[in-house]
Structure formats: C-alpha cells, structure tokens
Amino acid sequence: MRSETAKTFGSYLKDLRLKRGIGLREFAKLINMKPSNFSNIESGRAAPPANVEALGVICDTLGLGKGSDEWARLFDLAANDQKRIPADVAKSIKQFEGIPVLVRTIANKKLSEKQLRELTRYIQDNF
C-alpha cells in the first residue's frame, strides 16, 4: 500500500489512516463525524470537507505536520475531487493580487497537460 499513488482524497485518506493503525469508527469519533459519513468520504460517495478547519482536524488527527508533503497532498486532493482551489490556498489568495492574472494567463495560453505538468514541476522545484 503506497499512499503516494492514491489518486483521490478518500483513497489517500484511507491509506494514511490505515498506515497509522486507526480503525474507521475510531477515526470518525476522533474527528467528531458519524462513521457512515466518514466511510462515504473515504469511498468517494461523499465530497471531501471543503473548509480549512475540517481538513486541519483530519490532518492533526493523522499527525501530519502543517505544510508537510502529506498535509499538502491531502488538501490538494480534497480540492481536486471538487475541481476547486485548495482550501488553505484559497484562504491566502486574497493577499496576492497576481493570482487571478497568473491563472488567467495559464488558461488563455491553453497549455497542454504535459506543459502544465512541466510548469508545476518547475514551480515546485524552484519556489
């Protein structure tokens, strides 16, 4: 089981939870959620939490350090499952006037998926 290869929020969350040896019902209780609702999130039948606080509780319960690779991946997958900007990023976008220009420029250039992946790698490696 390699959580890095998980493609959805639910599968990644489940991998992280199991890696830490926490049962579904126990984890649901720790994050103050009904086990059936939590199971639906892990299985992809329900959307991941959309707000920073709920995702933060999940990360804290898993022992993920804020800003760690696992923490960022969980936030990114939650956003990706709903085709939105990650909650932690959206919260800070208001501080940066250039974000809409950057996104619009990328969209208008109609970059291929390969070009977007290359740009993403470049940004990750250099900033």
N, C-alpha and C. Protein backbone atom coordinates (compact mmCIF):
# COMPACT_ATOMS: atom_id res chain seq x y z
N MET A 1 0.85 -1.19 0.00
CA MET A 1 0.00 0.00 0.00
C MET A 1 0.89 1.24 0.00
N ARG A 2 0.84 2.04 -1.05
CA ARG A 2 1.64 3.25 -1.14
C ARG A 2 0.70 4.44 -1.27
N SER A 3 0.57 5.21 -0.19
CA SER A 3 -0.36 6.33 -0.18
C SER A 3 0.00 7.41 -1.19
N GLU A 4 1.29 7.47 -1.62
CA GLU A 4 1.68 8.49 -2.58
C GLU A 4 1.00 8.29 -3.93
N THR A 5 0.59 7.05 -4.23
CA THR A 5 -0.01 6.77 -5.53
C THR A 5 -1.52 6.95 -5.52
N ALA A 6 -2.11 7.19 -4.37
CA ALA A 6 -3.56 7.37 -4.29
C ALA A 6 -3.98 8.56 -5.15
N LYS A 7 -5.06 8.38 -5.89
CA LYS A 7 -5.50 9.41 -6.82
C LYS A 7 -6.65 10.26 -6.30
N THR A 8 -7.33 9.79 -5.27
CA THR A 8 -8.47 10.55 -4.75
C THR A 8 -8.24 10.88 -3.28
N PHE A 9 -8.96 11.88 -2.83
CA PHE A 9 -8.88 12.27 -1.42
C PHE A 9 -9.20 11.07 -0.53
N GLY A 10 -10.30 10.39 -0.82
CA GLY A 10 -10.75 9.29 0.02
C GLY A 10 -9.75 8.15 0.09
N SER A 11 -9.17 7.77 -1.05
CA SER A 11 -8.22 6.66 -1.04
C SER A 11 -6.93 7.06 -0.33
N TYR A 12 -6.50 8.31 -0.50
CA TYR A 12 -5.29 8.79 0.18
C TYR A 12 -5.52 8.86 1.68
N LEU A 13 -6.67 9.40 2.08
CA LEU A 13 -7.01 9.48 3.49
C LEU A 13 -7.05 8.09 4.12
N LYS A 14 -7.67 7.17 3.44
CA LYS A 14 -7.76 5.80 3.95
C LYS A 14 -6.36 5.19 4.11
N ASP A 15 -5.50 5.39 3.11
CA ASP A 15 -4.13 4.89 3.20
C ASP A 15 -3.40 5.47 4.41
N LEU A 16 -3.53 6.79 4.61
CA LEU A 16 -2.87 7.43 5.74
C LEU A 16 -3.42 6.91 7.06
N ARG A 17 -4.73 6.76 7.14
CA ARG A 17 -5.38 6.27 8.37
C ARG A 17 -4.91 4.86 8.69
N LEU A 18 -4.93 3.98 7.68
CA LEU A 18 -4.52 2.60 7.90
C LEU A 18 -3.03 2.50 8.24
N LYS A 19 -2.22 3.34 7.61
CA LYS A 19 -0.79 3.36 7.89
C LYS A 19 -0.52 3.67 9.38
N ARG A 20 -1.43 4.42 9.97
CA ARG A 20 -1.28 4.79 11.38
C ARG A 20 -2.03 3.82 12.31
N GLY A 21 -2.67 2.82 11.72
CA GLY A 21 -3.34 1.79 12.52
C GLY A 21 -4.60 2.25 13.22
N ILE A 22 -5.31 3.18 12.62
CA ILE A 22 -6.54 3.70 13.22
C ILE A 22 -7.74 3.14 12.45
N GLY A 23 -8.68 2.52 13.16
CA GLY A 23 -9.88 1.99 12.53
C GLY A 23 -10.81 3.10 12.08
N LEU A 24 -11.70 2.76 11.16
CA LEU A 24 -12.62 3.75 10.60
C LEU A 24 -13.51 4.37 11.68
N ARG A 25 -14.13 3.54 12.49
CA ARG A 25 -15.02 4.07 13.54
C ARG A 25 -14.26 4.92 14.55
N GLU A 26 -13.07 4.46 14.92
CA GLU A 26 -12.26 5.21 15.88
C GLU A 26 -11.87 6.57 15.30
N PHE A 27 -11.45 6.58 14.03
CA PHE A 27 -11.05 7.84 13.41
C PHE A 27 -12.24 8.79 13.30
N ALA A 28 -13.38 8.26 12.88
CA ALA A 28 -14.58 9.09 12.76
C ALA A 28 -14.91 9.74 14.11
N LYS A 29 -14.79 8.98 15.17
CA LYS A 29 -15.05 9.51 16.51
C LYS A 29 -14.05 10.61 16.86
N LEU A 30 -12.78 10.38 16.52
CA LEU A 30 -11.73 11.36 16.83
C LEU A 30 -11.95 12.69 16.12
N ILE A 31 -12.54 12.66 14.93
CA ILE A 31 -12.78 13.90 14.19
C ILE A 31 -14.23 14.38 14.32
N ASN A 32 -14.95 13.74 15.22
CA ASN A 32 -16.33 14.15 15.52
C ASN A 32 -17.24 14.04 14.29
N MET A 33 -17.20 12.86 13.66
CA MET A 33 -18.01 12.62 12.47
C MET A 33 -18.68 11.25 12.62
N LYS A 34 -19.86 11.10 12.05
CA LYS A 34 -20.53 9.80 12.06
C LYS A 34 -19.70 8.84 11.18
N PRO A 35 -19.52 7.60 11.65
CA PRO A 35 -18.75 6.63 10.87
C PRO A 35 -19.30 6.45 9.45
N SER A 36 -20.61 6.46 9.30
CA SER A 36 -21.18 6.27 7.96
C SER A 36 -20.82 7.43 7.04
N ASN A 37 -20.83 8.66 7.56
CA ASN A 37 -20.44 9.83 6.76
C ASN A 37 -18.96 9.76 6.39
N PHE A 38 -18.14 9.36 7.37
CA PHE A 38 -16.71 9.26 7.10
C PHE A 38 -16.43 8.16 6.07
N SER A 39 -17.12 7.04 6.18
CA SER A 39 -16.96 5.96 5.22
C SER A 39 -17.33 6.43 3.81
N ASN A 40 -18.38 7.23 3.72
CA ASN A 40 -18.80 7.76 2.41
C ASN A 40 -17.73 8.67 1.81
N ILE A 41 -17.04 9.43 2.64
CA ILE A 41 -15.96 10.30 2.15
C ILE A 41 -14.80 9.44 1.66
N GLU A 42 -14.40 8.45 2.45
CA GLU A 42 -13.28 7.59 2.05
C GLU A 42 -13.57 6.82 0.77
N SER A 43 -14.81 6.44 0.59
CA SER A 43 -15.16 5.64 -0.59
C SER A 43 -15.49 6.50 -1.81
N GLY A 44 -15.53 7.82 -1.63
CA GLY A 44 -15.82 8.71 -2.75
C GLY A 44 -17.30 8.93 -3.00
N ARG A 45 -18.15 8.41 -2.14
CA ARG A 45 -19.60 8.62 -2.29
C ARG A 45 -20.03 9.98 -1.77
N ALA A 46 -19.17 10.62 -0.97
CA ALA A 46 -19.44 11.96 -0.45
C ALA A 46 -18.20 12.81 -0.70
N ALA A 47 -18.42 14.09 -0.86
CA ALA A 47 -17.32 15.02 -1.14
C ALA A 47 -16.44 15.20 0.10
N PRO A 48 -15.16 15.46 -0.13
CA PRO A 48 -14.27 15.77 0.99
C PRO A 48 -14.69 17.08 1.65
N PRO A 49 -14.24 17.31 2.89
CA PRO A 49 -14.53 18.60 3.52
C PRO A 49 -13.98 19.73 2.66
N ALA A 50 -14.69 20.85 2.68
CA ALA A 50 -14.29 21.98 1.84
C ALA A 50 -13.60 23.09 2.61
N ASN A 51 -13.60 23.03 3.93
CA ASN A 51 -13.02 24.15 4.67
C ASN A 51 -11.72 23.77 5.37
N VAL A 52 -10.91 24.78 5.61
CA VAL A 52 -9.58 24.62 6.19
C VAL A 52 -9.66 23.96 7.57
N GLU A 53 -10.62 24.36 8.36
CA GLU A 53 -10.71 23.85 9.72
C GLU A 53 -10.97 22.35 9.75
N ALA A 54 -11.93 21.88 8.96
CA ALA A 54 -12.25 20.44 8.94
C ALA A 54 -11.08 19.63 8.41
N LEU A 55 -10.43 20.12 7.37
CA LEU A 55 -9.27 19.42 6.84
C LEU A 55 -8.11 19.46 7.84
N GLY A 56 -8.00 20.58 8.55
CA GLY A 56 -6.97 20.70 9.58
C GLY A 56 -7.15 19.70 10.70
N VAL A 57 -8.40 19.46 11.11
CA VAL A 57 -8.68 18.48 12.16
C VAL A 57 -8.26 17.08 11.68
N ILE A 58 -8.57 16.77 10.44
CA ILE A 58 -8.18 15.47 9.89
C ILE A 58 -6.65 15.34 9.89
N CYS A 59 -5.97 16.38 9.42
CA CYS A 59 -4.50 16.35 9.37
C CYS A 59 -3.90 16.23 10.77
N ASP A 60 -4.43 17.00 11.71
CA ASP A 60 -3.94 16.93 13.09
C ASP A 60 -4.14 15.55 13.68
N THR A 61 -5.30 14.96 13.43
CA THR A 61 -5.61 13.64 13.96
C THR A 61 -4.68 12.58 13.37
N LEU A 62 -4.28 12.78 12.13
CA LEU A 62 -3.34 11.86 11.49
C LEU A 62 -1.89 12.14 11.88
N GLY A 63 -1.68 13.26 12.58
CA GLY A 63 -0.33 13.62 12.97
C GLY A 63 0.49 14.22 11.85
N LEU A 64 -0.18 14.81 10.87
CA LEU A 64 0.52 15.42 9.75
C LEU A 64 0.94 16.84 10.13
N GLY A 65 2.19 17.14 9.95
CA GLY A 65 2.68 18.48 10.24
C GLY A 65 2.18 19.48 9.21
N LYS A 66 1.79 20.65 9.68
CA LYS A 66 1.29 21.67 8.76
C LYS A 66 2.38 21.99 7.73
N GLY A 67 1.99 21.93 6.47
CA GLY A 67 2.92 22.21 5.39
C GLY A 67 3.73 21.01 4.93
N SER A 68 3.58 19.87 5.60
CA SER A 68 4.30 18.66 5.16
C SER A 68 3.76 18.22 3.81
N ASP A 69 4.51 17.36 3.14
CA ASP A 69 4.07 16.86 1.84
C ASP A 69 2.72 16.14 1.94
N GLU A 70 2.55 15.32 2.99
CA GLU A 70 1.28 14.59 3.16
C GLU A 70 0.14 15.56 3.43
N TRP A 71 0.39 16.56 4.24
CA TRP A 71 -0.62 17.58 4.56
C TRP A 71 -1.05 18.30 3.28
N ALA A 72 -0.08 18.76 2.49
CA ALA A 72 -0.39 19.48 1.26
C ALA A 72 -1.13 18.58 0.27
N ARG A 73 -0.69 17.33 0.16
CA ARG A 73 -1.35 16.39 -0.77
C ARG A 73 -2.80 16.17 -0.39
N LEU A 74 -3.08 16.04 0.91
CA LEU A 74 -4.46 15.84 1.36
C LEU A 74 -5.33 17.04 0.99
N PHE A 75 -4.81 18.26 1.23
CA PHE A 75 -5.55 19.47 0.86
C PHE A 75 -5.74 19.55 -0.65
N ASP A 76 -4.69 19.23 -1.40
CA ASP A 76 -4.78 19.29 -2.87
C ASP A 76 -5.79 18.29 -3.42
N LEU A 77 -5.78 17.07 -2.88
CA LEU A 77 -6.72 16.05 -3.36
C LEU A 77 -8.17 16.42 -2.99
N ALA A 78 -8.36 17.01 -1.83
CA ALA A 78 -9.71 17.45 -1.45
C ALA A 78 -10.23 18.47 -2.46
N ALA A 79 -9.38 19.38 -2.85
CA ALA A 79 -9.77 20.40 -3.82
C ALA A 79 -9.95 19.79 -5.21
N ASN A 80 -9.04 18.92 -5.59
CA ASN A 80 -9.10 18.31 -6.92
C ASN A 80 -10.39 17.50 -7.10
N ASP A 81 -10.81 16.79 -6.06
CA ASP A 81 -12.04 16.00 -6.16
C ASP A 81 -13.25 16.88 -6.44
N GLN A 82 -13.18 18.14 -6.07
CA GLN A 82 -14.31 19.04 -6.29
C GLN A 82 -14.00 20.13 -7.32
N LYS A 83 -12.86 20.00 -7.99
CA LYS A 83 -12.46 20.96 -9.03
C LYS A 83 -12.46 22.40 -8.50
N ARG A 84 -11.76 22.58 -7.37
CA ARG A 84 -11.65 23.92 -6.79
C ARG A 84 -10.25 24.14 -6.27
N ILE A 85 -9.96 25.35 -5.86
CA ILE A 85 -8.66 25.71 -5.30
C ILE A 85 -8.58 25.13 -3.89
N PRO A 86 -7.43 24.56 -3.49
CA PRO A 86 -7.31 24.02 -2.14
C PRO A 86 -7.68 25.05 -1.07
N ALA A 87 -8.37 24.59 -0.05
CA ALA A 87 -8.89 25.49 0.99
C ALA A 87 -7.80 26.34 1.63
N ASP A 88 -6.65 25.76 1.89
CA ASP A 88 -5.58 26.53 2.52
C ASP A 88 -5.02 27.59 1.58
N VAL A 89 -5.00 27.31 0.29
CA VAL A 89 -4.51 28.27 -0.70
C VAL A 89 -5.55 29.37 -0.90
N ALA A 90 -6.82 28.98 -1.02
CA ALA A 90 -7.90 29.96 -1.23
C ALA A 90 -7.94 30.98 -0.11
N LYS A 91 -7.65 30.52 1.10
CA LYS A 91 -7.68 31.42 2.26
C LYS A 91 -6.61 32.50 2.14
N SER A 92 -5.49 32.19 1.51
CA SER A 92 -4.40 33.17 1.42
C SER A 92 -4.37 33.93 0.10
N ILE A 93 -5.18 33.54 -0.87
CA ILE A 93 -5.16 34.20 -2.19
C ILE A 93 -5.49 35.69 -2.09
N LYS A 94 -6.33 36.05 -1.16
CA LYS A 94 -6.74 37.45 -1.03
C LYS A 94 -5.54 38.37 -0.82
N GLN A 95 -4.44 37.81 -0.33
CA GLN A 95 -3.25 38.62 -0.07
C GLN A 95 -2.45 38.88 -1.34
N PHE A 96 -2.68 38.10 -2.38
CA PHE A 96 -1.85 38.19 -3.58
C PHE A 96 -2.69 38.58 -4.79
N GLU A 97 -2.53 39.83 -5.22
CA GLU A 97 -3.30 40.33 -6.35
C GLU A 97 -2.95 39.65 -7.67
N GLY A 98 -1.77 39.06 -7.77
CA GLY A 98 -1.31 38.49 -9.01
C GLY A 98 -1.88 37.12 -9.33
N ILE A 99 -2.52 36.46 -8.37
CA ILE A 99 -3.03 35.10 -8.60
C ILE A 99 -4.03 35.04 -9.74
N PRO A 100 -5.06 35.89 -9.78
CA PRO A 100 -6.01 35.81 -10.90
C PRO A 100 -5.33 36.02 -12.25
N VAL A 101 -4.35 36.91 -12.30
CA VAL A 101 -3.62 37.17 -13.55
C VAL A 101 -2.86 35.91 -13.95
N LEU A 102 -2.20 35.27 -13.01
CA LEU A 102 -1.46 34.05 -13.29
C LEU A 102 -2.39 32.96 -13.84
N VAL A 103 -3.49 32.74 -13.16
CA VAL A 103 -4.43 31.69 -13.58
C VAL A 103 -5.01 32.01 -14.96
N ARG A 104 -5.40 33.26 -15.16
CA ARG A 104 -5.96 33.66 -16.45
C ARG A 104 -4.93 33.50 -17.57
N THR A 105 -3.67 33.85 -17.30
CA THR A 105 -2.61 33.71 -18.30
C THR A 105 -2.43 32.25 -18.67
N ILE A 106 -2.40 31.37 -17.68
CA ILE A 106 -2.26 29.94 -17.95
C ILE A 106 -3.44 29.44 -18.77
N ALA A 107 -4.65 29.86 -18.38
CA ALA A 107 -5.85 29.42 -19.12
C ALA A 107 -5.85 29.92 -20.55
N ASN A 108 -5.49 31.19 -20.74
CA ASN A 108 -5.50 31.78 -22.08
C ASN A 108 -4.42 31.21 -23.00
N LYS A 109 -3.34 30.75 -22.42
CA LYS A 109 -2.27 30.16 -23.23
C LYS A 109 -2.64 28.75 -23.69
N LYS A 110 -3.69 28.19 -23.10
CA LYS A 110 -4.17 26.86 -23.47
C LYS A 110 -3.03 25.85 -23.48
N LEU A 111 -2.36 25.76 -22.34
CA LEU A 111 -1.24 24.83 -22.22
C LEU A 111 -1.74 23.39 -22.25
N SER A 112 -0.94 22.55 -22.84
CA SER A 112 -1.27 21.12 -22.86
C SER A 112 -1.09 20.56 -21.45
N GLU A 113 -1.61 19.37 -21.23
CA GLU A 113 -1.45 18.73 -19.92
C GLU A 113 0.03 18.54 -19.61
N LYS A 114 0.80 18.16 -20.62
CA LYS A 114 2.25 17.98 -20.43
C LYS A 114 2.91 19.29 -20.04
N GLN A 115 2.53 20.39 -20.69
CA GLN A 115 3.11 21.69 -20.36
C GLN A 115 2.71 22.13 -18.95
N LEU A 116 1.48 21.86 -18.56
CA LEU A 116 1.04 22.21 -17.21
C LEU A 116 1.82 21.41 -16.16
N ARG A 117 2.05 20.13 -16.44
CA ARG A 117 2.84 19.31 -15.51
C ARG A 117 4.27 19.83 -15.41
N GLU A 118 4.85 20.22 -16.54
CA GLU A 118 6.21 20.76 -16.54
C GLU A 118 6.27 22.07 -15.76
N LEU A 119 5.28 22.93 -15.96
CA LEU A 119 5.22 24.19 -15.23
C LEU A 119 5.09 23.93 -13.73
N THR A 120 4.23 22.99 -13.38
CA THR A 120 4.04 22.64 -11.97
C THR A 120 5.34 22.14 -11.36
N ARG A 121 6.03 21.25 -12.07
CA ARG A 121 7.33 20.74 -11.57
C ARG A 121 8.33 21.86 -11.40
N TYR A 122 8.36 22.76 -12.38
CA TYR A 122 9.29 23.90 -12.30
C TYR A 122 9.01 24.74 -11.06
N ILE A 123 7.76 25.04 -10.82
CA ILE A 123 7.38 25.86 -9.66
C ILE A 123 7.74 25.14 -8.36
N GLN A 124 7.41 23.84 -8.30
CA GLN A 124 7.71 23.07 -7.08
C GLN A 124 9.21 23.02 -6.82
N ASP A 125 10.00 22.88 -7.87
CA ASP A 125 11.45 22.74 -7.70
C ASP A 125 12.16 24.05 -7.42
N ASN A 126 11.54 25.17 -7.82
CA ASN A 126 12.25 26.46 -7.74
C ASN A 126 11.69 27.46 -6.75
N PHE A 127 10.55 27.18 -6.18
CA PHE A 127 9.96 28.17 -5.25
C PHE A 127 9.56 27.56 -3.96
